Protein backbone atom coordinates (compact mmCIF):
# COMPACT_ATOMS: atom_id res chain seq x y z
CA UNK A 1 55.03 66.11 52.51
CA UNK A 2 51.78 67.58 51.52
CA UNK A 3 51.56 70.87 50.14
CA UNK A 4 48.20 73.33 50.62
CA UNK A 5 47.06 74.81 47.38
CA UNK A 6 47.15 78.41 47.06
CA UNK A 7 43.68 79.87 45.94
CA UNK A 8 44.33 80.61 42.59
CA UNK A 9 45.05 77.28 41.82
CA UNK A 10 42.14 75.71 43.94
CA UNK A 11 39.76 77.67 42.45
CA UNK A 12 40.92 76.45 38.87
CA UNK A 13 40.90 72.94 40.54
CA UNK A 14 37.25 73.76 41.26
CA UNK A 15 36.34 75.07 37.88
CA UNK A 16 37.78 71.93 36.08
CA UNK A 17 35.56 69.65 38.59
CA UNK A 18 32.73 71.67 37.88
CA UNK A 19 33.18 71.15 33.69
CA UNK A 20 33.86 67.76 34.67
CA UNK A 21 30.54 67.21 36.49
CA UNK A 22 28.88 69.20 33.50
CA UNK A 23 30.28 66.46 30.83
CA UNK A 24 28.51 63.56 33.10
CA UNK A 25 32.01 62.59 34.23
CA UNK A 26 32.03 61.56 37.69
CA UNK A 27 34.37 59.08 38.09
CA UNK A 28 38.02 60.86 37.44
CA UNK A 29 41.10 59.63 36.36
CA UNK A 30 43.93 59.08 39.00
CA UNK A 31 47.29 59.18 38.13
CA UNK A 32 49.79 56.36 39.53
CA UNK A 33 52.38 57.57 41.95
CA UNK A 34 54.74 55.30 39.94
CA UNK A 35 54.58 54.28 36.12
CA UNK A 36 54.98 50.86 35.31
CA UNK A 37 58.52 49.93 33.64
CA UNK A 38 57.18 49.98 30.20
CA UNK A 39 55.79 53.40 30.28
CA UNK A 40 59.52 54.96 30.93
CA UNK A 41 60.28 55.57 27.71
CA UNK A 42 57.46 57.76 26.82
CA UNK A 43 56.62 59.14 30.27
CA UNK A 44 57.67 62.51 31.17
CA UNK A 45 60.87 63.11 32.85
CA UNK A 46 59.26 64.03 36.31
CA UNK A 47 56.16 65.07 38.06
CA UNK A 48 56.18 68.65 39.74
CA UNK A 49 55.56 68.98 43.46
CA UNK A 50 52.36 71.31 42.49
CA UNK A 51 51.21 68.35 40.21
CA UNK A 52 51.23 65.76 42.93
CA UNK A 53 49.59 68.30 44.87
CA UNK A 54 46.83 68.81 42.45
CA UNK A 55 46.73 64.95 42.26
CA UNK A 56 45.81 64.87 45.89
CA UNK A 57 43.53 67.59 45.65
CA UNK A 58 41.81 66.06 42.82
CA UNK A 59 41.12 63.03 44.78
CA UNK A 60 39.47 65.24 47.83
CA UNK A 61 37.05 66.71 45.31
CA UNK A 62 36.40 63.85 43.55
CA UNK A 63 34.77 62.43 46.83
CA UNK A 64 33.03 65.59 47.45
CA UNK A 65 31.51 65.24 44.28
CA UNK A 66 30.50 61.67 44.22
CA UNK A 67 28.49 61.89 47.51
CA UNK A 68 26.35 64.37 46.05
CA UNK A 69 25.56 62.15 43.33
CA UNK A 70 22.53 59.15 43.07
CA UNK A 71 24.40 57.12 40.40
CA UNK A 72 21.68 54.62 40.41
CA UNK A 73 19.25 57.48 38.64
CA UNK A 74 21.66 58.90 36.53
CA UNK A 75 21.14 56.59 33.44
CA UNK A 76 18.09 54.38 35.03
CA UNK A 77 15.81 56.81 32.85
CA UNK A 78 17.78 56.00 29.69
CA UNK A 79 16.30 53.28 27.55
CA UNK A 80 19.48 50.80 27.46
CA UNK A 81 19.41 50.65 31.46
CA UNK A 82 19.36 47.20 32.30
CA UNK A 83 20.38 45.73 28.98
CA UNK A 84 22.82 43.08 29.31
CA UNK A 85 23.69 42.90 25.46
CA UNK A 86 25.94 45.48 24.51
CA UNK A 87 24.71 45.49 20.90
CA UNK A 88 21.18 45.92 21.77
CA UNK A 89 22.09 48.51 24.07
CA UNK A 90 24.01 50.51 21.69
CA UNK A 91 21.10 50.03 19.06
CA UNK A 92 18.76 51.83 21.79
CA UNK A 93 21.49 54.40 22.39
CA UNK A 94 21.26 55.52 18.64
CA UNK A 95 17.78 55.38 18.40
CA UNK A 96 17.63 57.58 21.50
CA UNK A 97 20.11 59.96 19.95
CA UNK A 98 17.68 60.10 16.65
CA UNK A 99 18.09 62.72 14.02
CA UNK A 100 19.78 64.78 16.60
CA UNK A 101 19.42 68.58 16.29
CA UNK A 102 20.55 69.08 20.03
CA UNK A 103 23.49 71.53 19.01
CA UNK A 104 24.42 73.64 15.93
CA UNK A 105 26.73 71.14 14.73
CA UNK A 106 23.82 69.63 13.27
CA UNK A 107 23.08 72.51 10.82
CA UNK A 108 26.15 71.26 8.38
CA UNK A 109 26.16 67.50 8.54
CA UNK A 110 25.49 65.16 6.38
CA UNK A 111 25.36 62.29 8.51
CA UNK A 112 25.50 61.53 11.92
CA UNK A 113 28.48 59.63 13.04
CA UNK A 114 27.67 57.21 15.82
CA UNK A 115 30.74 54.86 16.29
CA UNK A 116 31.52 51.29 14.59
CA UNK A 117 33.29 48.16 15.68
CA UNK A 118 32.56 45.36 17.96
CA UNK A 119 30.11 46.17 20.83
CA UNK A 120 32.11 43.74 23.13
CA UNK A 121 35.47 45.42 22.14
CA UNK A 122 38.07 45.19 24.90
CA UNK A 123 39.73 48.29 23.36
CA UNK A 124 38.16 51.36 22.29
CA UNK A 125 39.71 54.41 20.45
CA UNK A 126 38.04 57.98 21.01
CA UNK A 127 38.49 60.51 18.43
CA UNK A 128 37.56 64.17 17.86
CA UNK A 129 35.14 64.33 15.53
CA UNK A 130 34.31 63.47 11.92
CA UNK A 131 35.89 64.87 9.15
CA UNK A 132 34.38 65.29 5.34
CA UNK A 133 34.66 61.50 4.52
CA UNK A 134 33.42 60.61 7.61
CA UNK A 135 30.32 63.08 7.48
CA UNK A 136 29.61 61.69 4.20
CA UNK A 137 29.85 57.76 4.77
CA UNK A 138 28.59 57.83 8.63
CA UNK A 139 31.36 56.28 9.88
CA UNK A 140 34.63 57.08 12.32
CA UNK A 141 38.08 57.34 10.74
CA UNK A 142 37.46 56.55 7.08
CA UNK A 143 39.53 59.05 5.54
CA UNK A 144 43.39 59.31 5.44
CA UNK A 145 43.61 59.36 9.09
CA UNK A 146 41.18 56.47 9.02
CA UNK A 147 43.65 54.43 6.81
CA UNK A 148 46.42 55.16 9.31
CA UNK A 149 44.59 54.25 12.31
CA UNK A 150 43.56 51.15 10.30
CA UNK A 151 47.06 50.66 10.02
CA UNK A 152 48.41 51.11 13.77
CA UNK A 153 45.69 48.43 14.69
CA UNK A 154 46.79 46.18 12.17
CA UNK A 155 50.65 46.38 13.64
CA UNK A 156 49.25 45.86 16.97
CA UNK A 157 47.82 42.47 15.37
CA UNK A 158 44.16 43.33 15.68
CA UNK A 159 41.58 44.13 12.75
CA UNK A 160 39.29 47.26 12.67
CA UNK A 161 36.75 45.13 13.34
CA UNK A 162 38.00 43.99 16.95
CA UNK A 163 37.84 47.13 18.11
CA UNK A 164 35.26 50.14 18.63
CA UNK A 165 35.64 53.71 17.37
CA UNK A 166 33.69 56.86 18.09
CA UNK A 167 34.41 60.35 18.83
CA UNK A 168 33.87 63.00 21.18
CA UNK A 169 31.01 64.63 18.93
CA UNK A 170 29.16 62.70 16.17
CA UNK A 171 28.48 65.62 13.78
CA UNK A 172 31.20 67.31 11.56
CA UNK A 173 32.38 70.61 12.78
CA UNK A 174 32.63 73.11 9.83
CA UNK A 175 35.79 73.47 7.80
CA UNK A 176 36.91 70.53 10.53
CA UNK A 177 37.43 72.97 13.19
CA UNK A 178 37.88 72.07 16.87
CA UNK A 179 34.37 71.06 18.63
CA UNK A 180 33.70 74.05 20.94
CA UNK A 181 32.55 73.29 24.55
CA UNK A 182 28.97 73.63 24.16
CA UNK A 183 29.20 71.28 21.41
CA UNK A 184 31.33 68.65 23.40
CA UNK A 185 28.76 68.88 26.52
CA UNK A 186 25.62 68.28 24.73
CA UNK A 187 27.27 65.27 22.64
CA UNK A 188 29.26 63.79 25.76
CA UNK A 189 26.38 61.94 27.35
CA UNK A 190 25.86 59.75 24.37
CA UNK A 191 29.44 58.83 24.15
CA UNK A 192 29.48 58.09 28.14
CA UNK A 193 26.30 55.75 27.34
CA UNK A 194 28.26 54.41 24.41
CA UNK A 195 31.54 53.26 27.10
CA UNK A 196 29.19 52.09 29.97
CA UNK A 197 27.37 49.82 27.06
CA UNK A 198 30.68 48.48 25.66
CA UNK A 199 32.68 48.38 29.09
CA UNK A 200 36.39 48.42 27.50
CA UNK A 201 39.10 47.28 29.19
CA UNK A 202 41.03 50.09 27.63
CA UNK A 203 40.53 53.11 26.13
CA UNK A 204 42.75 55.31 23.92
CA UNK A 205 42.20 58.77 23.68
CA UNK A 206 43.51 59.97 20.22
CA UNK A 207 44.79 63.59 20.28
CA UNK A 208 44.53 66.43 22.40
CA UNK A 209 40.95 67.40 22.28
CA UNK A 210 39.92 63.70 22.89
CA UNK A 211 42.24 63.60 25.98
CA UNK A 212 40.99 66.94 27.35
CA UNK A 213 37.17 66.44 26.96
CA UNK A 214 37.58 62.97 28.40
CA UNK A 215 39.74 63.68 31.40
CA UNK A 216 38.67 67.13 31.79
CA UNK A 217 42.15 68.18 32.29
CA UNK A 218 44.06 70.88 30.26
CA UNK A 219 47.58 69.82 29.87
CA UNK A 220 49.93 69.59 26.94
CA UNK A 221 50.25 66.20 24.97
CA UNK A 222 53.73 65.72 26.57
CA UNK A 223 51.90 65.25 30.10
CA UNK A 224 49.17 63.23 29.05
CA UNK A 225 50.80 60.87 27.25
CA UNK A 226 52.64 57.71 28.81
CA UNK A 227 50.40 56.90 31.69
CA UNK A 228 47.13 55.42 32.77
CA UNK A 229 44.21 56.86 34.03
CA UNK A 230 41.27 55.48 35.34
CA UNK A 231 37.84 56.19 33.94
CA UNK A 232 34.37 54.94 34.15
CA UNK A 233 31.13 57.11 33.36
CA UNK A 234 28.81 57.64 36.06
CA UNK A 235 25.84 55.13 36.02
CA UNK A 236 27.71 52.49 34.71
CA UNK A 237 27.31 48.56 35.68
CA UNK A 238 28.85 48.45 39.43
CA UNK A 239 30.09 45.00 38.38
CA UNK A 240 32.38 46.70 35.82
CA UNK A 241 35.75 47.96 37.26
CA UNK A 242 36.13 50.62 34.56
CA UNK A 243 38.50 51.00 31.73
CA UNK A 244 42.27 51.94 31.72
CA UNK A 245 42.67 55.20 29.53
CA UNK A 246 45.88 55.98 27.56
CA UNK A 247 46.42 59.02 25.53
CA UNK A 248 48.42 59.35 21.99
CA UNK A 249 48.48 61.38 19.08
CA UNK A 250 45.66 61.62 16.57
CA UNK A 251 46.50 59.91 13.26
CA UNK A 252 45.76 63.19 11.55
CA UNK A 253 48.51 64.97 13.35
CA UNK A 254 50.85 61.76 12.83
CA UNK A 255 50.16 62.50 8.70
CA UNK A 256 51.32 65.99 9.51
CA UNK A 257 54.43 65.32 11.56
CA UNK A 258 55.71 61.39 10.67
CA UNK A 259 58.19 61.84 12.80
CA UNK A 260 55.96 61.59 15.62
CA UNK A 261 54.67 57.95 14.48
CA UNK A 262 57.59 56.42 16.99
CA UNK A 263 55.85 58.03 19.91
CA UNK A 264 52.64 56.87 19.07
CA UNK A 265 53.86 53.26 18.60
CA UNK A 266 55.38 53.51 22.11
CA UNK A 267 51.88 54.41 23.66
CA UNK A 268 50.31 51.46 21.68
CA UNK A 269 52.91 49.14 22.85
CA UNK A 270 52.09 50.30 26.53
CA UNK A 271 48.37 49.21 25.74
CA UNK A 272 49.61 46.03 24.15
CA UNK A 273 51.58 44.97 27.21
CA UNK A 274 48.16 45.75 29.67
CA UNK A 275 45.88 43.57 27.32
CA UNK A 276 48.78 41.02 26.62
CA UNK A 277 48.79 41.28 23.35
CA UNK A 278 51.92 40.34 21.18
CA UNK A 279 52.38 42.15 17.56
CA UNK A 280 53.13 40.50 14.67
CA UNK A 281 56.67 39.72 14.05
CA UNK A 282 56.92 42.42 11.53
CA UNK A 283 55.64 45.09 13.45
CA UNK A 284 57.53 44.07 16.60
CA UNK A 285 60.69 44.81 15.04
């Protein structure tokens, strides 16, 4: 039975939708009412009644927001608009980003870390932000966490060159701190344009910061993992149905707590099953 949200929760939801709107995200996630059998091992034990009500209210809010947005005009002024080749579109987005000074993160960076990989990748990984090694080389996930991510991709039966890798922010936060809200909001439109150009079939948010910014949802990892979310940036090609988004632990967290590697592998198995990927025999064992 549908339950009416109390005013406090309704106001919190309205704030969340506003934040999502500001980030340029209008096509919100949808939690399935039942999980695929292969996610049972990693899914939360149950979904509370209040969470179910929140899901229904989010759907209503989504309709209200989308009706007030002219999606044809959102990206029409962008240089990559109408460019069919994703590699060419990404090049135009990078040129538009330029030597970015749009937020304070530019003050301490060495290089902008735009993204790397196959412009036509079916699988896209999104992390939090560059670290020291990434800042020095201008490429995401090249340090210790990057080596672990490479191993995770290899265990799936893929190569780093087969996927696309990017971050929520493209400049290193001082001291590797978490990017602040205004920094994420400033950088997010470029990430959304990258996603719209690549049109991945599946996205994997690496860590809580990436997941919360992509989904505009403040929830613990235990609730974010083990389920699918629908994701499509506003203004995307209408012929593209959007991506399925999954959440797993950030490789840097797995380096600090190797006990969670098994849980991360379960998340990747969920992704592999959806994409029809059969992992190498050794990894499967």
